[in-house]
N, C-alpha and C. Protein backbone atom coordinates (compact mmCIF):
# COMPACT_ATOMS: atom_id res chain seq x y z
N MET A 1 -89.63 -88.01 61.78
CA MET A 1 -88.48 -87.71 62.59
C MET A 1 -88.96 -87.05 63.88
N PRO A 2 -88.55 -87.54 65.04
CA PRO A 2 -89.05 -86.99 66.30
C PRO A 2 -88.47 -85.59 66.55
N GLU A 3 -89.28 -84.79 67.19
CA GLU A 3 -88.87 -83.41 67.48
C GLU A 3 -87.92 -83.40 68.68
N HIS A 4 -86.82 -82.64 68.59
CA HIS A 4 -85.84 -82.56 69.67
C HIS A 4 -86.41 -81.69 70.80
N PRO A 5 -86.34 -82.10 72.06
CA PRO A 5 -86.97 -81.34 73.13
C PRO A 5 -86.29 -80.00 73.44
N ASP A 6 -85.07 -79.78 72.98
CA ASP A 6 -84.36 -78.53 73.29
C ASP A 6 -84.52 -77.46 72.23
N THR A 7 -85.25 -77.75 71.17
CA THR A 7 -85.42 -76.77 70.11
C THR A 7 -86.42 -75.72 70.53
N PRO A 8 -86.31 -74.50 69.99
CA PRO A 8 -87.26 -73.45 70.34
C PRO A 8 -88.68 -73.74 69.88
N ASP A 9 -88.85 -74.64 68.90
CA ASP A 9 -90.17 -74.95 68.40
C ASP A 9 -90.92 -75.91 69.32
N SER A 10 -90.25 -76.41 70.31
CA SER A 10 -90.87 -77.39 71.19
C SER A 10 -92.01 -76.75 71.98
N ARG A 11 -93.10 -77.45 72.14
CA ARG A 11 -94.26 -76.94 72.87
C ARG A 11 -94.08 -77.06 74.39
N ASP A 12 -93.19 -77.93 74.83
CA ASP A 12 -92.94 -78.13 76.26
C ASP A 12 -92.06 -76.99 76.77
N ASN A 13 -92.57 -76.22 77.75
CA ASN A 13 -91.79 -75.09 78.25
C ASN A 13 -91.14 -75.40 79.58
N GLY A 14 -91.05 -76.67 79.94
CA GLY A 14 -90.34 -77.06 81.14
C GLY A 14 -91.08 -76.72 82.42
N GLY A 15 -92.38 -76.48 82.37
CA GLY A 15 -93.15 -76.19 83.56
C GLY A 15 -93.18 -74.71 83.91
N PHE A 16 -92.60 -73.85 83.11
CA PHE A 16 -92.60 -72.41 83.37
C PHE A 16 -93.69 -71.75 82.54
N SER A 17 -94.44 -70.89 83.18
CA SER A 17 -95.45 -70.15 82.46
C SER A 17 -94.83 -68.84 81.96
N GLU A 18 -95.57 -68.14 81.15
CA GLU A 18 -95.12 -66.84 80.65
C GLU A 18 -94.94 -65.87 81.81
N HIS A 19 -95.80 -65.97 82.79
CA HIS A 19 -95.70 -65.09 83.97
C HIS A 19 -94.41 -65.37 84.75
N ASP A 20 -94.06 -66.67 84.90
CA ASP A 20 -92.82 -67.02 85.60
C ASP A 20 -91.60 -66.47 84.85
N ALA A 21 -91.61 -66.58 83.55
CA ALA A 21 -90.48 -66.08 82.75
C ALA A 21 -90.37 -64.56 82.87
N GLN A 22 -91.51 -63.87 82.81
CA GLN A 22 -91.50 -62.41 82.93
C GLN A 22 -91.01 -61.98 84.32
N ARG A 23 -91.43 -62.69 85.37
CA ARG A 23 -91.00 -62.39 86.73
C ARG A 23 -89.49 -62.58 86.87
N GLN A 24 -88.96 -63.64 86.28
CA GLN A 24 -87.54 -63.90 86.35
C GLN A 24 -86.75 -62.83 85.59
N VAL A 25 -87.24 -62.39 84.46
CA VAL A 25 -86.59 -61.33 83.70
C VAL A 25 -86.58 -60.04 84.51
N THR A 26 -87.69 -59.72 85.17
CA THR A 26 -87.78 -58.52 85.99
C THR A 26 -86.80 -58.57 87.15
N GLU A 27 -86.68 -59.73 87.80
CA GLU A 27 -85.72 -59.88 88.90
C GLU A 27 -84.29 -59.70 88.41
N LEU A 28 -83.96 -60.27 87.27
CA LEU A 28 -82.61 -60.14 86.72
C LEU A 28 -82.30 -58.70 86.33
N GLU A 29 -83.29 -57.98 85.79
CA GLU A 29 -83.08 -56.58 85.45
C GLU A 29 -82.83 -55.75 86.70
N GLY A 30 -83.53 -56.05 87.78
CA GLY A 30 -83.34 -55.35 89.05
C GLY A 30 -81.95 -55.61 89.61
N GLU A 31 -81.50 -56.87 89.56
CA GLU A 31 -80.17 -57.21 90.04
C GLU A 31 -79.10 -56.54 89.19
N SER A 32 -79.32 -56.48 87.89
CA SER A 32 -78.36 -55.84 86.99
C SER A 32 -78.26 -54.35 87.29
N ALA A 33 -79.38 -53.70 87.55
CA ALA A 33 -79.36 -52.27 87.86
C ALA A 33 -78.65 -52.02 89.18
N THR A 34 -78.85 -52.90 90.16
CA THR A 34 -78.16 -52.76 91.44
C THR A 34 -76.66 -52.93 91.25
N ALA A 35 -76.26 -53.89 90.46
CA ALA A 35 -74.84 -54.10 90.20
C ALA A 35 -74.25 -52.91 89.47
N ALA A 36 -75.00 -52.30 88.57
CA ALA A 36 -74.51 -51.13 87.86
C ALA A 36 -74.28 -49.97 88.81
N ARG A 37 -75.18 -49.81 89.79
CA ARG A 37 -74.99 -48.73 90.76
C ARG A 37 -73.81 -49.02 91.69
N ILE A 38 -73.63 -50.27 92.08
CA ILE A 38 -72.53 -50.62 92.98
C ILE A 38 -71.19 -50.43 92.29
N PHE A 39 -71.08 -50.85 91.04
CA PHE A 39 -69.82 -50.80 90.33
C PHE A 39 -69.73 -49.59 89.40
N ASP A 40 -70.33 -48.49 89.80
CA ASP A 40 -70.23 -47.24 89.04
C ASP A 40 -68.76 -46.83 89.00
N LEU A 41 -68.26 -46.49 87.82
CA LEU A 41 -66.83 -46.15 87.66
C LEU A 41 -66.43 -44.94 88.49
N ARG A 42 -67.36 -44.02 88.72
CA ARG A 42 -67.02 -42.85 89.53
C ARG A 42 -66.64 -43.27 90.95
N ARG A 43 -67.31 -44.28 91.48
CA ARG A 43 -67.02 -44.77 92.83
C ARG A 43 -65.63 -45.43 92.85
N ILE A 44 -65.33 -46.23 91.86
CA ILE A 44 -64.05 -46.94 91.82
C ILE A 44 -62.90 -45.96 91.62
N ILE A 45 -63.03 -45.08 90.62
CA ILE A 45 -61.96 -44.12 90.34
C ILE A 45 -61.79 -43.16 91.51
N GLY A 46 -62.89 -42.64 92.03
CA GLY A 46 -62.81 -41.71 93.16
C GLY A 46 -62.18 -42.35 94.38
N GLY A 47 -62.58 -43.57 94.67
CA GLY A 47 -62.01 -44.28 95.83
C GLY A 47 -60.52 -44.52 95.69
N LEU A 48 -60.10 -44.95 94.50
CA LEU A 48 -58.67 -45.19 94.29
C LEU A 48 -57.86 -43.89 94.38
N PHE A 49 -58.36 -42.82 93.79
CA PHE A 49 -57.64 -41.55 93.87
C PHE A 49 -57.56 -41.04 95.31
N VAL A 50 -58.61 -41.23 96.09
CA VAL A 50 -58.57 -40.80 97.49
C VAL A 50 -57.53 -41.62 98.26
N VAL A 51 -57.54 -42.93 98.09
CA VAL A 51 -56.58 -43.78 98.81
C VAL A 51 -55.15 -43.43 98.42
N TYR A 52 -54.87 -43.38 97.11
CA TYR A 52 -53.52 -43.05 96.68
C TYR A 52 -53.14 -41.62 97.02
N GLY A 53 -54.12 -40.71 96.99
CA GLY A 53 -53.85 -39.32 97.36
C GLY A 53 -53.44 -39.20 98.81
N VAL A 54 -54.11 -39.94 99.69
CA VAL A 54 -53.74 -39.92 101.11
C VAL A 54 -52.33 -40.47 101.29
N ILE A 55 -52.02 -41.56 100.62
CA ILE A 55 -50.69 -42.17 100.75
C ILE A 55 -49.61 -41.21 100.26
N VAL A 56 -49.80 -40.63 99.07
CA VAL A 56 -48.78 -39.74 98.51
C VAL A 56 -48.69 -38.45 99.32
N THR A 57 -49.78 -37.96 99.87
CA THR A 57 -49.74 -36.77 100.72
C THR A 57 -48.95 -37.04 101.99
N ILE A 58 -49.16 -38.20 102.60
CA ILE A 58 -48.39 -38.56 103.79
C ILE A 58 -46.90 -38.66 103.46
N VAL A 59 -46.59 -39.25 102.32
CA VAL A 59 -45.18 -39.32 101.89
C VAL A 59 -44.62 -37.92 101.68
N GLY A 60 -45.43 -37.03 101.10
CA GLY A 60 -44.99 -35.65 100.88
C GLY A 60 -44.76 -34.90 102.17
N ILE A 61 -45.59 -35.15 103.17
CA ILE A 61 -45.41 -34.48 104.46
C ILE A 61 -44.15 -34.97 105.16
N THR A 62 -43.84 -36.26 105.02
CA THR A 62 -42.69 -36.84 105.71
C THR A 62 -41.42 -36.82 104.88
N ASP A 63 -41.46 -36.23 103.68
CA ASP A 63 -40.26 -36.17 102.83
C ASP A 63 -39.15 -35.39 103.52
N GLY A 64 -37.94 -35.85 103.29
CA GLY A 64 -36.78 -35.13 103.80
C GLY A 64 -36.35 -34.04 102.82
N GLN A 65 -35.40 -33.24 103.24
CA GLN A 65 -34.93 -32.14 102.41
C GLN A 65 -34.25 -32.64 101.14
N ALA A 66 -33.65 -33.83 101.19
CA ALA A 66 -32.97 -34.38 100.01
C ALA A 66 -33.97 -34.65 98.88
N ALA A 67 -35.16 -35.16 99.22
CA ALA A 67 -36.17 -35.43 98.20
C ALA A 67 -36.71 -34.13 97.62
N ILE A 68 -36.82 -33.10 98.44
CA ILE A 68 -37.31 -31.81 97.96
C ILE A 68 -36.26 -31.16 97.06
N ASP A 69 -34.99 -31.26 97.44
CA ASP A 69 -33.92 -30.71 96.61
C ASP A 69 -33.82 -31.44 95.28
N LYS A 70 -34.10 -32.73 95.29
CA LYS A 70 -34.06 -33.53 94.06
C LYS A 70 -35.10 -33.04 93.05
N ALA A 71 -36.21 -32.46 93.55
CA ALA A 71 -37.27 -31.95 92.69
C ALA A 71 -37.16 -30.44 92.53
N GLN A 72 -35.96 -29.92 92.63
CA GLN A 72 -35.66 -28.49 92.44
C GLN A 72 -36.44 -27.60 93.40
N GLY A 73 -36.55 -28.04 94.65
CA GLY A 73 -37.15 -27.23 95.69
C GLY A 73 -38.66 -27.33 95.81
N VAL A 74 -39.29 -28.16 95.01
CA VAL A 74 -40.75 -28.32 95.05
C VAL A 74 -41.06 -29.65 95.75
N ASN A 75 -41.95 -29.59 96.73
CA ASN A 75 -42.37 -30.82 97.40
C ASN A 75 -43.42 -31.50 96.51
N ILE A 76 -42.94 -32.17 95.48
CA ILE A 76 -43.80 -32.72 94.44
C ILE A 76 -44.76 -33.79 94.97
N ASN A 77 -44.30 -34.57 95.94
CA ASN A 77 -45.17 -35.60 96.51
C ASN A 77 -46.36 -34.98 97.24
N LEU A 78 -46.12 -33.89 97.96
CA LEU A 78 -47.20 -33.23 98.67
C LEU A 78 -48.22 -32.65 97.70
N TRP A 79 -47.74 -31.93 96.68
CA TRP A 79 -48.66 -31.31 95.72
C TRP A 79 -49.39 -32.35 94.88
N THR A 80 -48.71 -33.39 94.48
CA THR A 80 -49.37 -34.45 93.71
C THR A 80 -50.40 -35.18 94.56
N GLY A 81 -50.05 -35.47 95.81
CA GLY A 81 -50.98 -36.14 96.71
C GLY A 81 -52.23 -35.31 96.95
N LEU A 82 -52.05 -34.00 97.15
CA LEU A 82 -53.21 -33.13 97.35
C LEU A 82 -54.08 -33.07 96.09
N ALA A 83 -53.46 -33.02 94.93
CA ALA A 83 -54.22 -32.99 93.67
C ALA A 83 -54.99 -34.30 93.49
N MET A 84 -54.36 -35.43 93.79
CA MET A 84 -55.05 -36.72 93.67
C MET A 84 -56.20 -36.80 94.67
N LEU A 85 -56.00 -36.29 95.86
CA LEU A 85 -57.04 -36.30 96.87
C LEU A 85 -58.23 -35.45 96.43
N LEU A 86 -57.96 -34.27 95.89
CA LEU A 86 -59.04 -33.42 95.40
C LEU A 86 -59.78 -34.05 94.23
N LEU A 87 -59.05 -34.67 93.32
CA LEU A 87 -59.70 -35.33 92.18
C LEU A 87 -60.59 -36.48 92.66
N GLY A 88 -60.10 -37.28 93.59
CA GLY A 88 -60.90 -38.38 94.13
C GLY A 88 -62.14 -37.88 94.84
N LEU A 89 -62.00 -36.80 95.61
CA LEU A 89 -63.16 -36.22 96.29
C LEU A 89 -64.15 -35.64 95.28
N PHE A 90 -63.64 -35.08 94.18
CA PHE A 90 -64.52 -34.59 93.12
C PHE A 90 -65.37 -35.74 92.55
N PHE A 91 -64.75 -36.87 92.25
CA PHE A 91 -65.49 -38.01 91.69
C PHE A 91 -66.54 -38.51 92.68
N LEU A 92 -66.18 -38.59 93.96
CA LEU A 92 -67.14 -39.07 94.96
C LEU A 92 -68.27 -38.07 95.17
N ALA A 93 -67.97 -36.77 95.13
CA ALA A 93 -69.02 -35.76 95.25
C ALA A 93 -69.94 -35.81 94.04
N TRP A 94 -69.37 -36.03 92.86
CA TRP A 94 -70.17 -36.16 91.63
C TRP A 94 -71.13 -37.34 91.76
N LEU A 95 -70.62 -38.45 92.28
CA LEU A 95 -71.45 -39.63 92.48
C LEU A 95 -72.57 -39.34 93.46
N TRP A 96 -72.26 -38.60 94.52
CA TRP A 96 -73.25 -38.31 95.54
C TRP A 96 -74.31 -37.32 95.02
N LEU A 97 -73.86 -36.32 94.25
CA LEU A 97 -74.78 -35.30 93.76
C LEU A 97 -75.61 -35.78 92.57
N ARG A 98 -75.04 -36.63 91.72
CA ARG A 98 -75.74 -37.14 90.53
C ARG A 98 -75.66 -38.67 90.51
N PRO A 99 -76.42 -39.34 91.38
CA PRO A 99 -76.35 -40.82 91.41
C PRO A 99 -76.89 -41.43 90.12
N THR A 100 -76.54 -42.67 89.90
CA THR A 100 -77.04 -43.40 88.75
C THR A 100 -78.55 -43.55 88.88
N PRO A 101 -79.30 -43.12 87.87
CA PRO A 101 -80.76 -43.21 87.99
C PRO A 101 -81.22 -44.66 87.97
N PRO A 102 -82.29 -44.96 88.70
CA PRO A 102 -82.82 -46.32 88.65
C PRO A 102 -83.38 -46.60 87.27
N PRO A 103 -83.39 -47.85 86.86
CA PRO A 103 -83.90 -48.17 85.53
C PRO A 103 -85.39 -47.90 85.44
N VAL A 104 -85.81 -47.48 84.25
CA VAL A 104 -87.22 -47.25 84.00
C VAL A 104 -87.87 -48.60 83.76
N PRO A 105 -88.94 -48.91 84.50
CA PRO A 105 -89.58 -50.21 84.29
C PRO A 105 -90.19 -50.30 82.90
N ALA A 106 -89.99 -51.46 82.30
CA ALA A 106 -90.53 -51.68 80.96
C ALA A 106 -92.03 -51.90 81.08
N THR A 107 -92.77 -51.26 80.21
CA THR A 107 -94.23 -51.43 80.21
C THR A 107 -94.62 -52.30 79.05
N ALA A 108 -95.57 -53.17 79.31
CA ALA A 108 -96.06 -54.05 78.26
C ALA A 108 -97.01 -53.28 77.36
N PRO A 109 -96.94 -53.48 76.06
CA PRO A 109 -97.87 -52.79 75.16
C PRO A 109 -99.29 -53.29 75.39
N ASP A 110 -100.25 -52.37 75.26
CA ASP A 110 -101.65 -52.72 75.43
C ASP A 110 -102.13 -53.53 74.23
N ASP A 111 -102.85 -54.60 74.51
CA ASP A 111 -103.38 -55.41 73.42
C ASP A 111 -104.62 -54.76 72.81
N ASP A 112 -105.30 -53.90 73.59
CA ASP A 112 -106.53 -53.28 73.12
C ASP A 112 -106.26 -52.10 72.20
N ALA A 113 -105.13 -51.43 72.37
CA ALA A 113 -104.85 -50.22 71.60
C ALA A 113 -104.43 -50.57 70.17
N THR A 114 -105.05 -49.89 69.24
CA THR A 114 -104.68 -50.06 67.85
C THR A 114 -104.38 -48.69 67.26
N THR A 115 -103.38 -48.60 66.42
CA THR A 115 -103.00 -47.32 65.80
C THR A 115 -103.07 -47.38 64.31
């Protein structure tokens, strides 16, 4: 029965050497680490809270007396907007002070070392 060329037991590696495969894995790990730093949740959450905080703060500043009376004399939009703005700035400061560490490069085990 002939051996199927797509099976893992096949000796034909499609023209790729072990070095090429290792290089490709290293490149993909680097791209993955970059994507992890770009899409860090602290950046997304902080950014959204800052944007919404600015919007709600502006609404709170421009609120009329009727909206303030409706909230029993508290300018709730202003206070909520300021709290959201502070929380968003906290997340962004946290990201700036403690950035995502770069990945530790994987080391190949030594063939000479025996334990």
